[in-house]
Amino acid sequence: MLHVEHPHCRRETGCREIASQILLPGLNRHNIGTELLAGVTLLAISLPLNIGYAQIAGLPPTAGLYALVLPSLVFGLVASSRHLVAAPDAAAAALVGSALAGVAAAGSDQYVAMAAAQAIVGGLLFILCAVFRLGFLADFLSKPILIGFVGGLATDILLSQVAKMMGVKVDSGAEFFERLISLLSRLDAVHGWSVGLSLAVLAVLVPARRRWPTVPW
């Protein structure tokens, strides 16, 4: 027995397929399961990372969640590649903290508002760079400058995290050596439980990363 599909049904099916290709290119019923699994995995990795980045920037943890969701939605609508991920990183978080350290108290309403304004201005500059195709300017950054930049950020982040692991509060708005001296002068205020918990976590993470390098520890 032959099955004859009504022309109206064919038109509706074709419209749905065209809409799905425009809104969700590359997604179909065959790969939707793996795509959802990839999205959940990325979310599980990004949530704690962005909360940590918010602390590095001197912002409340909720700011890290906003920075995870909103840029991802905008990037997904305007980007031409579905394989790239737009999210904050440690370098950007450290730059936000260092730029606003001497302007407002970390965590205050004024600090949060200025960080949001900084993010908007930075986004507008990126749009202008994309419109005028100014990406070639990055080629003029020499390797020693990039190494020094990344090394300085890593040292600054390391100091801030060591202070938290020891349970010692230092002024996030101070210079690097001022914070280092402040940390060393408060060794008598080290919180034992914080140090013990931090060492226990490191004792698990370091061997686990060597044993299972493909797992996002």
N, C-alpha and C. Protein backbone atom coordinates (compact mmCIF):
# COMPACT_ATOMS: atom_id res chain seq x y z
N MET A 1 0.85 -1.20 0.00
CA MET A 1 0.00 0.00 0.00
C MET A 1 0.88 1.24 0.00
N LEU A 2 0.63 2.16 -0.91
CA LEU A 2 1.44 3.35 -1.04
C LEU A 2 0.99 4.40 -0.03
N HIS A 3 1.99 5.11 0.49
CA HIS A 3 1.70 6.21 1.43
C HIS A 3 1.95 7.52 0.70
N VAL A 4 0.92 8.31 0.60
CA VAL A 4 1.02 9.60 -0.09
C VAL A 4 0.98 10.70 0.96
N GLU A 5 2.06 11.49 1.01
CA GLU A 5 2.15 12.58 1.99
C GLU A 5 1.50 13.83 1.42
N HIS A 6 0.69 14.45 2.24
CA HIS A 6 0.00 15.67 1.82
C HIS A 6 1.02 16.79 1.58
N PRO A 7 0.85 17.61 0.54
CA PRO A 7 1.81 18.70 0.26
C PRO A 7 1.96 19.67 1.43
N HIS A 8 0.86 19.89 2.16
CA HIS A 8 0.95 20.81 3.30
C HIS A 8 1.87 20.25 4.38
N CYS A 9 1.82 18.92 4.59
CA CYS A 9 2.69 18.29 5.57
C CYS A 9 4.15 18.39 5.13
N ARG A 10 4.38 18.22 3.83
CA ARG A 10 5.75 18.31 3.34
C ARG A 10 6.30 19.72 3.54
N ARG A 11 5.44 20.72 3.33
CA ARG A 11 5.89 22.10 3.50
C ARG A 11 6.23 22.37 4.96
N GLU A 12 5.39 21.88 5.89
CA GLU A 12 5.66 22.10 7.31
C GLU A 12 6.95 21.40 7.73
N THR A 13 7.15 20.17 7.25
CA THR A 13 8.37 19.44 7.59
C THR A 13 9.60 20.16 7.05
N GLY A 14 9.49 20.64 5.81
CA GLY A 14 10.61 21.37 5.22
C GLY A 14 10.90 22.65 5.97
N CYS A 15 9.88 23.36 6.41
CA CYS A 15 10.08 24.59 7.17
C CYS A 15 10.77 24.31 8.51
N ARG A 16 10.34 23.21 9.16
CA ARG A 16 10.98 22.87 10.43
C ARG A 16 12.44 22.53 10.24
N GLU A 17 12.75 21.79 9.17
CA GLU A 17 14.14 21.44 8.91
C GLU A 17 14.98 22.67 8.60
N ILE A 18 14.43 23.59 7.82
CA ILE A 18 15.16 24.81 7.50
C ILE A 18 15.40 25.65 8.76
N ALA A 19 14.36 25.76 9.60
CA ALA A 19 14.51 26.54 10.84
C ALA A 19 15.55 25.91 11.76
N SER A 20 15.56 24.58 11.85
CA SER A 20 16.54 23.91 12.71
C SER A 20 17.96 24.11 12.19
N GLN A 21 18.12 24.13 10.87
CA GLN A 21 19.45 24.34 10.30
C GLN A 21 19.93 25.77 10.51
N ILE A 22 19.01 26.72 10.55
CA ILE A 22 19.39 28.11 10.77
C ILE A 22 19.71 28.36 12.24
N LEU A 23 18.84 27.88 13.14
CA LEU A 23 19.02 28.14 14.56
C LEU A 23 20.03 27.20 15.20
N LEU A 24 20.00 25.93 14.83
CA LEU A 24 20.88 24.93 15.43
C LEU A 24 21.57 24.14 14.32
N PRO A 25 22.50 24.74 13.61
CA PRO A 25 23.17 24.03 12.51
C PRO A 25 23.98 22.86 13.02
N GLY A 26 23.88 21.75 12.30
CA GLY A 26 24.64 20.56 12.67
C GLY A 26 23.98 19.70 13.73
N LEU A 27 22.85 20.13 14.29
CA LEU A 27 22.17 19.37 15.32
C LEU A 27 20.99 18.63 14.72
N ASN A 28 20.93 17.33 14.94
CA ASN A 28 19.82 16.52 14.45
C ASN A 28 19.50 15.45 15.47
N ARG A 29 18.52 14.62 15.16
CA ARG A 29 18.07 13.61 16.11
C ARG A 29 19.12 12.53 16.35
N HIS A 30 20.09 12.42 15.46
CA HIS A 30 21.11 11.39 15.61
C HIS A 30 22.22 11.80 16.58
N ASN A 31 22.53 13.08 16.66
CA ASN A 31 23.63 13.51 17.52
C ASN A 31 23.19 14.37 18.69
N ILE A 32 21.89 14.53 18.89
CA ILE A 32 21.42 15.40 19.96
C ILE A 32 21.83 14.87 21.33
N GLY A 33 21.88 13.54 21.49
CA GLY A 33 22.29 12.95 22.76
C GLY A 33 23.73 13.28 23.11
N THR A 34 24.63 13.10 22.16
CA THR A 34 26.04 13.41 22.42
C THR A 34 26.26 14.91 22.61
N GLU A 35 25.50 15.73 21.89
CA GLU A 35 25.64 17.18 22.06
C GLU A 35 25.18 17.62 23.45
N LEU A 36 24.08 17.03 23.93
CA LEU A 36 23.61 17.35 25.28
C LEU A 36 24.61 16.90 26.33
N LEU A 37 25.20 15.72 26.14
CA LEU A 37 26.20 15.23 27.08
C LEU A 37 27.42 16.15 27.09
N ALA A 38 27.83 16.61 25.91
CA ALA A 38 28.96 17.55 25.85
C ALA A 38 28.63 18.86 26.56
N GLY A 39 27.40 19.33 26.40
CA GLY A 39 27.00 20.56 27.07
C GLY A 39 26.98 20.42 28.58
N VAL A 40 26.46 19.30 29.08
CA VAL A 40 26.43 19.07 30.53
C VAL A 40 27.85 18.95 31.08
N THR A 41 28.72 18.27 30.34
CA THR A 41 30.12 18.13 30.78
C THR A 41 30.80 19.49 30.85
N LEU A 42 30.59 20.31 29.82
CA LEU A 42 31.19 21.65 29.82
C LEU A 42 30.64 22.50 30.96
N LEU A 43 29.36 22.36 31.26
CA LEU A 43 28.76 23.11 32.36
C LEU A 43 29.35 22.69 33.70
N ALA A 44 29.53 21.37 33.89
CA ALA A 44 30.09 20.87 35.14
C ALA A 44 31.52 21.36 35.36
N ILE A 45 32.27 21.52 34.27
CA ILE A 45 33.64 22.02 34.38
C ILE A 45 33.66 23.53 34.60
N SER A 46 32.78 24.24 33.91
CA SER A 46 32.83 25.70 33.90
C SER A 46 32.30 26.32 35.19
N LEU A 47 31.33 25.69 35.84
CA LEU A 47 30.74 26.29 37.04
C LEU A 47 31.77 26.57 38.12
N PRO A 48 32.51 25.57 38.61
CA PRO A 48 33.50 25.89 39.66
C PRO A 48 34.61 26.80 39.16
N LEU A 49 35.00 26.67 37.88
CA LEU A 49 36.04 27.53 37.35
C LEU A 49 35.63 29.00 37.39
N ASN A 50 34.41 29.29 36.96
CA ASN A 50 33.96 30.68 36.91
C ASN A 50 33.73 31.26 38.29
N ILE A 51 33.32 30.43 39.24
CA ILE A 51 33.21 30.92 40.62
C ILE A 51 34.59 31.29 41.15
N GLY A 52 35.60 30.47 40.83
CA GLY A 52 36.96 30.80 41.23
C GLY A 52 37.49 32.05 40.54
N TYR A 53 37.17 32.21 39.26
CA TYR A 53 37.59 33.41 38.54
C TYR A 53 36.97 34.66 39.14
N ALA A 54 35.72 34.56 39.58
CA ALA A 54 35.07 35.71 40.21
C ALA A 54 35.81 36.12 41.49
N GLN A 55 36.26 35.15 42.26
CA GLN A 55 37.01 35.46 43.47
C GLN A 55 38.35 36.10 43.14
N ILE A 56 39.00 35.63 42.07
CA ILE A 56 40.26 36.24 41.66
C ILE A 56 40.05 37.71 41.28
N ALA A 57 38.94 38.00 40.63
CA ALA A 57 38.63 39.37 40.21
C ALA A 57 38.11 40.24 41.35
N GLY A 58 37.89 39.65 42.53
CA GLY A 58 37.35 40.41 43.65
C GLY A 58 35.86 40.60 43.59
N LEU A 59 35.17 39.75 42.85
CA LEU A 59 33.72 39.86 42.67
C LEU A 59 33.01 38.74 43.42
N PRO A 60 31.72 38.89 43.70
CA PRO A 60 30.96 37.81 44.34
C PRO A 60 30.83 36.61 43.41
N PRO A 61 30.60 35.41 43.96
CA PRO A 61 30.50 34.21 43.11
C PRO A 61 29.43 34.30 42.04
N THR A 62 28.34 35.02 42.32
CA THR A 62 27.27 35.12 41.31
C THR A 62 27.75 35.81 40.04
N ALA A 63 28.73 36.70 40.16
CA ALA A 63 29.26 37.37 38.96
C ALA A 63 29.90 36.36 38.02
N GLY A 64 30.53 35.33 38.58
CA GLY A 64 31.11 34.29 37.74
C GLY A 64 30.05 33.52 36.97
N LEU A 65 28.89 33.31 37.60
CA LEU A 65 27.81 32.61 36.91
C LEU A 65 27.23 33.47 35.78
N TYR A 66 27.07 34.77 36.04
CA TYR A 66 26.60 35.66 34.97
C TYR A 66 27.59 35.68 33.81
N ALA A 67 28.87 35.72 34.14
CA ALA A 67 29.90 35.75 33.10
C ALA A 67 29.97 34.45 32.31
N LEU A 68 29.45 33.39 32.87
CA LEU A 68 29.41 32.11 32.16
C LEU A 68 28.22 32.03 31.22
N VAL A 69 27.04 32.48 31.67
CA VAL A 69 25.81 32.28 30.91
C VAL A 69 25.64 33.33 29.81
N LEU A 70 25.73 34.60 30.17
CA LEU A 70 25.42 35.67 29.21
C LEU A 70 26.37 35.69 28.01
N PRO A 71 27.69 35.67 28.20
CA PRO A 71 28.56 35.66 27.01
C PRO A 71 28.37 34.43 26.14
N SER A 72 28.08 33.29 26.76
CA SER A 72 27.86 32.08 25.96
C SER A 72 26.65 32.22 25.05
N LEU A 73 25.58 32.82 25.57
CA LEU A 73 24.38 33.02 24.75
C LEU A 73 24.65 33.98 23.60
N VAL A 74 25.31 35.09 23.90
CA VAL A 74 25.61 36.07 22.85
C VAL A 74 26.56 35.48 21.82
N PHE A 75 27.58 34.78 22.29
CA PHE A 75 28.56 34.20 21.37
C PHE A 75 27.91 33.15 20.48
N GLY A 76 26.99 32.38 21.05
CA GLY A 76 26.31 31.37 20.25
C GLY A 76 25.44 31.95 19.16
N LEU A 77 24.94 33.17 19.37
CA LEU A 77 24.07 33.81 18.37
C LEU A 77 24.86 34.49 17.26
N VAL A 78 26.03 35.01 17.57
CA VAL A 78 26.76 35.82 16.59
C VAL A 78 27.99 35.14 16.02
N ALA A 79 28.48 34.08 16.65
CA ALA A 79 29.72 33.46 16.19
C ALA A 79 29.45 32.55 14.99
N SER A 80 30.45 32.39 14.17
CA SER A 80 30.33 31.55 12.97
C SER A 80 30.76 30.12 13.22
N SER A 81 31.38 29.84 14.35
CA SER A 81 31.85 28.48 14.66
C SER A 81 31.08 27.94 15.85
N ARG A 82 30.68 26.68 15.75
CA ARG A 82 29.97 26.05 16.86
C ARG A 82 30.91 25.20 17.71
N HIS A 83 32.21 25.25 17.43
CA HIS A 83 33.18 24.46 18.18
C HIS A 83 33.93 25.30 19.22
N LEU A 84 33.80 26.61 19.15
CA LEU A 84 34.48 27.49 20.10
C LEU A 84 33.61 27.73 21.32
N VAL A 85 34.27 28.02 22.44
CA VAL A 85 33.57 28.29 23.70
C VAL A 85 34.01 29.66 24.20
N ALA A 86 33.06 30.51 24.51
CA ALA A 86 33.35 31.84 25.05
C ALA A 86 33.11 31.82 26.55
N ALA A 87 34.16 32.08 27.33
CA ALA A 87 34.04 32.05 28.79
C ALA A 87 35.20 32.84 29.38
N PRO A 88 35.06 33.30 30.62
CA PRO A 88 36.16 34.02 31.28
C PRO A 88 37.36 33.10 31.49
N ASP A 89 38.52 33.71 31.75
CA ASP A 89 39.69 32.93 32.11
C ASP A 89 40.43 33.65 33.23
N ALA A 90 41.47 33.00 33.74
CA ALA A 90 42.19 33.53 34.89
C ALA A 90 42.88 34.85 34.57
N ALA A 91 43.42 34.97 33.35
CA ALA A 91 44.12 36.20 32.98
C ALA A 91 43.18 37.40 32.99
N ALA A 92 42.01 37.24 32.39
CA ALA A 92 41.04 38.34 32.36
C ALA A 92 40.56 38.69 33.77
N ALA A 93 40.34 37.68 34.60
CA ALA A 93 39.89 37.93 35.97
C ALA A 93 40.94 38.70 36.76
N ALA A 94 42.21 38.31 36.60
CA ALA A 94 43.28 39.02 37.30
C ALA A 94 43.42 40.46 36.82
N LEU A 95 43.22 40.68 35.53
CA LEU A 95 43.30 42.04 34.99
C LEU A 95 42.17 42.92 35.53
N VAL A 96 40.98 42.35 35.66
CA VAL A 96 39.86 43.10 36.23
C VAL A 96 40.18 43.50 37.66
N GLY A 97 40.69 42.55 38.43
CA GLY A 97 41.02 42.84 39.82
C GLY A 97 42.11 43.89 39.97
N SER A 98 43.15 43.79 39.14
CA SER A 98 44.25 44.75 39.25
C SER A 98 43.84 46.14 38.76
N ALA A 99 42.96 46.21 37.78
CA ALA A 99 42.54 47.50 37.25
C ALA A 99 41.64 48.26 38.23
N LEU A 100 40.85 47.54 39.01
CA LEU A 100 39.90 48.18 39.91
C LEU A 100 40.35 48.19 41.36
N ALA A 101 41.54 47.64 41.63
CA ALA A 101 41.98 47.51 43.02
C ALA A 101 42.09 48.85 43.72
N GLY A 102 42.63 49.85 43.06
CA GLY A 102 42.81 51.14 43.71
C GLY A 102 41.66 52.10 43.52
N VAL A 103 40.57 51.63 42.94
CA VAL A 103 39.43 52.52 42.64
C VAL A 103 38.29 52.32 43.63
N ALA A 104 38.00 51.07 43.97
CA ALA A 104 36.89 50.76 44.88
C ALA A 104 37.25 49.53 45.69
N ALA A 105 36.53 49.34 46.79
CA ALA A 105 36.76 48.19 47.65
C ALA A 105 36.24 46.93 46.97
N ALA A 106 37.04 45.88 46.99
CA ALA A 106 36.65 44.63 46.34
C ALA A 106 35.36 44.09 46.94
N GLY A 107 34.42 43.70 46.09
CA GLY A 107 33.16 43.14 46.53
C GLY A 107 32.07 44.15 46.79
N SER A 108 32.39 45.45 46.81
CA SER A 108 31.37 46.46 47.06
C SER A 108 30.49 46.66 45.83
N ASP A 109 29.36 47.34 46.04
CA ASP A 109 28.45 47.59 44.92
C ASP A 109 29.12 48.45 43.85
N GLN A 110 29.90 49.42 44.28
CA GLN A 110 30.60 50.27 43.31
C GLN A 110 31.62 49.45 42.51
N TYR A 111 32.29 48.54 43.18
CA TYR A 111 33.27 47.69 42.51
C TYR A 111 32.60 46.81 41.46
N VAL A 112 31.47 46.22 41.82
CA VAL A 112 30.74 45.35 40.88
C VAL A 112 30.25 46.16 39.68
N ALA A 113 29.71 47.36 39.94
CA ALA A 113 29.22 48.20 38.84
C ALA A 113 30.36 48.60 37.90
N MET A 114 31.51 48.92 38.46
CA MET A 114 32.64 49.31 37.61
C MET A 114 33.19 48.12 36.84
N ALA A 115 33.15 46.94 37.44
CA ALA A 115 33.57 45.74 36.71
C ALA A 115 32.64 45.45 35.54
N ALA A 116 31.33 45.65 35.76
CA ALA A 116 30.37 45.46 34.67
C ALA A 116 30.60 46.47 33.55
N ALA A 117 30.85 47.73 33.93
CA ALA A 117 31.14 48.75 32.91
C ALA A 117 32.42 48.42 32.15
N GLN A 118 33.41 47.92 32.87
CA GLN A 118 34.66 47.53 32.22
C GLN A 118 34.44 46.41 31.22
N ALA A 119 33.59 45.45 31.58
CA ALA A 119 33.30 44.34 30.68
C ALA A 119 32.57 44.82 29.42
N ILE A 120 31.63 45.75 29.60
CA ILE A 120 30.89 46.27 28.44
C ILE A 120 31.82 47.04 27.50
N VAL A 121 32.67 47.88 28.07
CA VAL A 121 33.62 48.63 27.23
C VAL A 121 34.58 47.68 26.51
N GLY A 122 35.04 46.66 27.23
CA GLY A 122 35.92 45.68 26.59
C GLY A 122 35.23 44.95 25.46
N GLY A 123 33.95 44.60 25.65
CA GLY A 123 33.21 43.95 24.58
C GLY A 123 33.03 44.84 23.36
N LEU A 124 32.76 46.12 23.60
CA LEU A 124 32.62 47.06 22.48
C LEU A 124 33.94 47.21 21.72
N LEU A 125 35.05 47.23 22.44
CA LEU A 125 36.35 47.31 21.78
C LEU A 125 36.62 46.08 20.92
N PHE A 126 36.22 44.91 21.43
CA PHE A 126 36.39 43.69 20.65
C PHE A 126 35.56 43.74 19.37
N ILE A 127 34.34 44.27 19.48
CA ILE A 127 33.49 44.39 18.29
C ILE A 127 34.12 45.32 17.26
N LEU A 128 34.66 46.44 17.73
CA LEU A 128 35.32 47.38 16.82
C LEU A 128 36.54 46.74 16.16
N CYS A 129 37.30 45.99 16.95
CA CYS A 129 38.47 45.30 16.38
C CYS A 129 38.04 44.28 15.32
N ALA A 130 36.91 43.62 15.56
CA ALA A 130 36.44 42.65 14.57
C ALA A 130 35.93 43.35 13.31
N VAL A 131 35.24 44.47 13.49
CA VAL A 131 34.71 45.19 12.32
C VAL A 131 35.84 45.73 11.45
N PHE A 132 36.85 46.29 12.08
CA PHE A 132 37.95 46.89 11.32
C PHE A 132 39.12 45.91 11.10
N ARG A 133 38.92 44.65 11.50
CA ARG A 133 39.92 43.59 11.27
C ARG A 133 41.30 44.00 11.80
N LEU A 134 41.33 44.26 13.10
CA LEU A 134 42.57 44.69 13.74
C LEU A 134 43.28 43.55 14.46
N GLY A 135 42.91 42.32 14.16
CA GLY A 135 43.54 41.19 14.82
C GLY A 135 45.03 41.08 14.54
N PHE A 136 45.48 41.68 13.44
CA PHE A 136 46.90 41.59 13.10
C PHE A 136 47.77 42.33 14.12
N LEU A 137 47.18 43.21 14.93
CA LEU A 137 47.97 43.94 15.92
C LEU A 137 48.58 43.00 16.96
N ALA A 138 47.94 41.85 17.18
CA ALA A 138 48.49 40.89 18.14
C ALA A 138 49.82 40.32 17.67
N ASP A 139 50.10 40.38 16.38
CA ASP A 139 51.37 39.88 15.87
C ASP A 139 52.55 40.74 16.31
N PHE A 140 52.28 41.96 16.74
CA PHE A 140 53.36 42.85 17.16
C PHE A 140 53.75 42.64 18.62
N LEU A 141 53.03 41.78 19.34
CA LEU A 141 53.39 41.46 20.72
C LEU A 141 54.50 40.42 20.71
N SER A 142 55.65 40.79 21.21
CA SER A 142 56.79 39.87 21.17
C SER A 142 56.62 38.76 22.20
N LYS A 143 57.34 37.68 21.99
CA LYS A 143 57.25 36.53 22.89
C LYS A 143 57.70 36.86 24.31
N PRO A 144 58.81 37.60 24.52
CA PRO A 144 59.17 37.96 25.90
C PRO A 144 58.08 38.73 26.65
N ILE A 145 57.37 39.61 25.92
CA ILE A 145 56.29 40.36 26.57
C ILE A 145 55.18 39.42 27.01
N LEU A 146 54.80 38.48 26.15
CA LEU A 146 53.74 37.54 26.49
C LEU A 146 54.16 36.64 27.64
N ILE A 147 55.42 36.18 27.63
CA ILE A 147 55.91 35.32 28.71
C ILE A 147 55.90 36.08 30.04
N GLY A 148 56.36 37.33 30.02
CA GLY A 148 56.35 38.12 31.24
C GLY A 148 54.94 38.41 31.73
N PHE A 149 54.03 38.67 30.80
CA PHE A 149 52.64 38.94 31.16
C PHE A 149 52.00 37.72 31.83
N VAL A 150 52.14 36.57 31.19
CA VAL A 150 51.54 35.35 31.73
C VAL A 150 52.22 34.96 33.04
N GLY A 151 53.54 35.10 33.11
CA GLY A 151 54.24 34.77 34.34
C GLY A 151 53.84 35.66 35.50
N GLY A 152 53.68 36.96 35.24
CA GLY A 152 53.24 37.86 36.29
C GLY A 152 51.83 37.55 36.77
N LEU A 153 50.94 37.23 35.84
CA LEU A 153 49.58 36.85 36.23
C LEU A 153 49.58 35.58 37.06
N ALA A 154 50.37 34.60 36.64
CA ALA A 154 50.43 33.33 37.37
C ALA A 154 50.94 33.55 38.79
N THR A 155 51.96 34.39 38.94
CA THR A 155 52.50 34.67 40.27
C THR A 155 51.48 35.38 41.15
N ASP A 156 50.77 36.34 40.57
CA ASP A 156 49.76 37.08 41.32
C ASP A 156 48.62 36.16 41.76
N ILE A 157 48.16 35.31 40.85
CA ILE A 157 47.09 34.37 41.19
C ILE A 157 47.55 33.37 42.24
N LEU A 158 48.79 32.90 42.10
CA LEU A 158 49.33 31.93 43.07
C LEU A 158 49.36 32.52 44.47
N LEU A 159 49.80 33.76 44.59
CA LEU A 159 49.86 34.39 45.91
C LEU A 159 48.47 34.52 46.52
N SER A 160 47.49 34.95 45.72
CA SER A 160 46.14 35.11 46.25
C SER A 160 45.54 33.78 46.69
N GLN A 161 45.82 32.71 45.93
CA GLN A 161 45.25 31.42 46.29
C GLN A 161 45.96 30.78 47.48
N VAL A 162 47.26 31.01 47.60
CA VAL A 162 47.99 30.49 48.77
C VAL A 162 47.47 31.15 50.04
N ALA A 163 47.18 32.45 49.97
CA ALA A 163 46.62 33.13 51.13
C ALA A 163 45.28 32.53 51.53
N LYS A 164 44.46 32.19 50.55
CA LYS A 164 43.17 31.58 50.87
C LYS A 164 43.35 30.16 51.40
N MET A 165 44.31 29.42 50.86
CA MET A 165 44.57 28.07 51.36
C MET A 165 45.04 28.09 52.81
N MET A 166 45.73 29.15 53.20
CA MET A 166 46.21 29.28 54.57
C MET A 166 45.19 29.93 55.49
N GLY A 167 44.09 30.43 54.91
CA GLY A 167 43.07 31.06 55.72
C GLY A 167 43.47 32.43 56.23
N VAL A 168 44.38 33.09 55.52
CA VAL A 168 44.88 34.42 55.92
C VAL A 168 44.32 35.46 54.96
N LYS A 169 43.78 36.53 55.48
CA LYS A 169 43.24 37.60 54.65
C LYS A 169 44.31 38.65 54.39
N VAL A 170 44.48 38.98 53.13
CA VAL A 170 45.40 40.05 52.74
C VAL A 170 44.64 41.06 51.90
N ASP A 171 45.15 42.27 51.85
CA ASP A 171 44.50 43.34 51.10
C ASP A 171 44.65 43.08 49.60
N SER A 172 43.52 42.79 48.93
CA SER A 172 43.58 42.49 47.50
C SER A 172 43.93 43.71 46.66
N GLY A 173 43.78 44.91 47.22
CA GLY A 173 44.09 46.11 46.47
C GLY A 173 45.54 46.55 46.58
N ALA A 174 46.33 45.86 47.39
CA ALA A 174 47.73 46.24 47.57
C ALA A 174 48.59 45.68 46.45
N GLU A 175 49.82 46.18 46.37
CA GLU A 175 50.76 45.68 45.38
C GLU A 175 51.22 44.27 45.74
N PHE A 176 51.87 43.60 44.78
CA PHE A 176 52.24 42.20 44.96
C PHE A 176 53.15 42.02 46.18
N PHE A 177 54.23 42.79 46.25
CA PHE A 177 55.18 42.61 47.35
C PHE A 177 54.59 43.03 48.69
N GLU A 178 53.70 44.00 48.68
CA GLU A 178 53.01 44.37 49.92
C GLU A 178 52.15 43.23 50.42
N ARG A 179 51.46 42.56 49.50
CA ARG A 179 50.64 41.41 49.90
C ARG A 179 51.51 40.25 50.36
N LEU A 180 52.65 40.05 49.70
CA LEU A 180 53.55 38.98 50.11
C LEU A 180 54.10 39.22 51.51
N ILE A 181 54.52 40.45 51.79
CA ILE A 181 55.02 40.77 53.13
C ILE A 181 53.91 40.64 54.16
N SER A 182 52.70 41.08 53.79
CA SER A 182 51.57 40.95 54.71
C SER A 182 51.26 39.50 55.02
N LEU A 183 51.36 38.64 54.01
CA LEU A 183 51.10 37.21 54.23
C LEU A 183 52.17 36.60 55.13
N LEU A 184 53.43 36.92 54.88
CA LEU A 184 54.51 36.36 55.69
C LEU A 184 54.47 36.86 57.12
N SER A 185 53.97 38.07 57.33
CA SER A 185 53.91 38.61 58.68
C SER A 185 52.73 38.07 59.48
N ARG A 186 51.82 37.36 58.82
CA ARG A 186 50.64 36.83 59.51
C ARG A 186 50.65 35.30 59.55
N LEU A 187 51.81 34.72 59.53
CA LEU A 187 51.89 33.27 59.58
C LEU A 187 51.36 32.70 60.89
N ASP A 188 51.37 33.53 61.94
CA ASP A 188 50.83 33.06 63.21
C ASP A 188 49.30 32.96 63.19
N ALA A 189 48.67 33.55 62.16
CA ALA A 189 47.21 33.51 62.05
C ALA A 189 46.73 32.45 61.07
N VAL A 190 47.62 31.54 60.68
CA VAL A 190 47.25 30.49 59.73
C VAL A 190 46.18 29.59 60.33
N HIS A 191 45.15 29.28 59.53
CA HIS A 191 44.06 28.42 59.97
C HIS A 191 44.39 26.97 59.64
N GLY A 192 44.56 26.16 60.67
CA GLY A 192 45.02 24.79 60.48
C GLY A 192 44.10 23.94 59.63
N TRP A 193 42.79 24.06 59.84
CA TRP A 193 41.85 23.26 59.07
C TRP A 193 41.89 23.63 57.58
N SER A 194 42.05 24.90 57.29
CA SER A 194 42.14 25.32 55.88
C SER A 194 43.38 24.73 55.21
N VAL A 195 44.50 24.77 55.92
CA VAL A 195 45.74 24.20 55.37
C VAL A 195 45.60 22.70 55.18
N GLY A 196 45.04 22.02 56.18
CA GLY A 196 44.87 20.57 56.08
C GLY A 196 43.97 20.16 54.93
N LEU A 197 42.84 20.86 54.78
CA LEU A 197 41.92 20.55 53.69
C LEU A 197 42.56 20.83 52.33
N SER A 198 43.30 21.93 52.22
CA SER A 198 43.96 22.26 50.96
C SER A 198 45.00 21.22 50.59
N LEU A 199 45.79 20.78 51.56
CA LEU A 199 46.81 19.76 51.29
C LEU A 199 46.16 18.43 50.92
N ALA A 200 45.04 18.11 51.56
CA ALA A 200 44.35 16.86 51.22
C ALA A 200 43.83 16.88 49.79
N VAL A 201 43.29 18.03 49.37
CA VAL A 201 42.80 18.15 47.99
C VAL A 201 43.95 18.04 47.00
N LEU A 202 45.08 18.70 47.30
CA LEU A 202 46.24 18.61 46.42
C LEU A 202 46.79 17.20 46.35
N ALA A 203 46.75 16.49 47.48
CA ALA A 203 47.24 15.12 47.51
C ALA A 203 46.41 14.20 46.62
N VAL A 204 45.15 14.56 46.40
CA VAL A 204 44.30 13.77 45.51
C VAL A 204 44.44 14.23 44.06
N LEU A 205 44.46 15.54 43.85
CA LEU A 205 44.44 16.08 42.49
C LEU A 205 45.74 15.82 41.73
N VAL A 206 46.87 16.04 42.37
CA VAL A 206 48.15 15.92 41.65
C VAL A 206 48.38 14.50 41.13
N PRO A 207 48.26 13.45 41.96
CA PRO A 207 48.43 12.10 41.40
C PRO A 207 47.33 11.73 40.41
N ALA A 208 46.11 12.22 40.66
CA ALA A 208 45.00 11.87 39.76
C ALA A 208 45.20 12.46 38.38
N ARG A 209 45.72 13.67 38.30
CA ARG A 209 45.96 14.28 36.99
C ARG A 209 47.04 13.53 36.22
N ARG A 210 48.02 12.99 36.92
CA ARG A 210 49.06 12.22 36.24
C ARG A 210 48.54 10.85 35.82
N ARG A 211 47.66 10.28 36.64
CA ARG A 211 47.16 8.94 36.34
C ARG A 211 46.10 8.99 35.26
N TRP A 212 45.21 9.98 35.30
CA TRP A 212 44.14 10.11 34.31
C TRP A 212 44.20 11.51 33.70
N PRO A 213 45.12 11.77 32.79
CA PRO A 213 45.30 13.12 32.24
C PRO A 213 44.14 13.61 31.40
N THR A 214 43.32 12.70 30.88
CA THR A 214 42.20 13.13 30.04
C THR A 214 40.99 13.59 30.84
N VAL A 215 40.97 13.32 32.14
CA VAL A 215 39.86 13.73 32.99
C VAL A 215 40.06 15.19 33.40
N PRO A 216 39.04 16.05 33.26
CA PRO A 216 39.19 17.47 33.61
C PRO A 216 39.16 17.70 35.11
N TRP A 217 40.28 17.46 35.78
CA TRP A 217 40.35 17.64 37.23
C TRP A 217 40.34 19.12 37.58
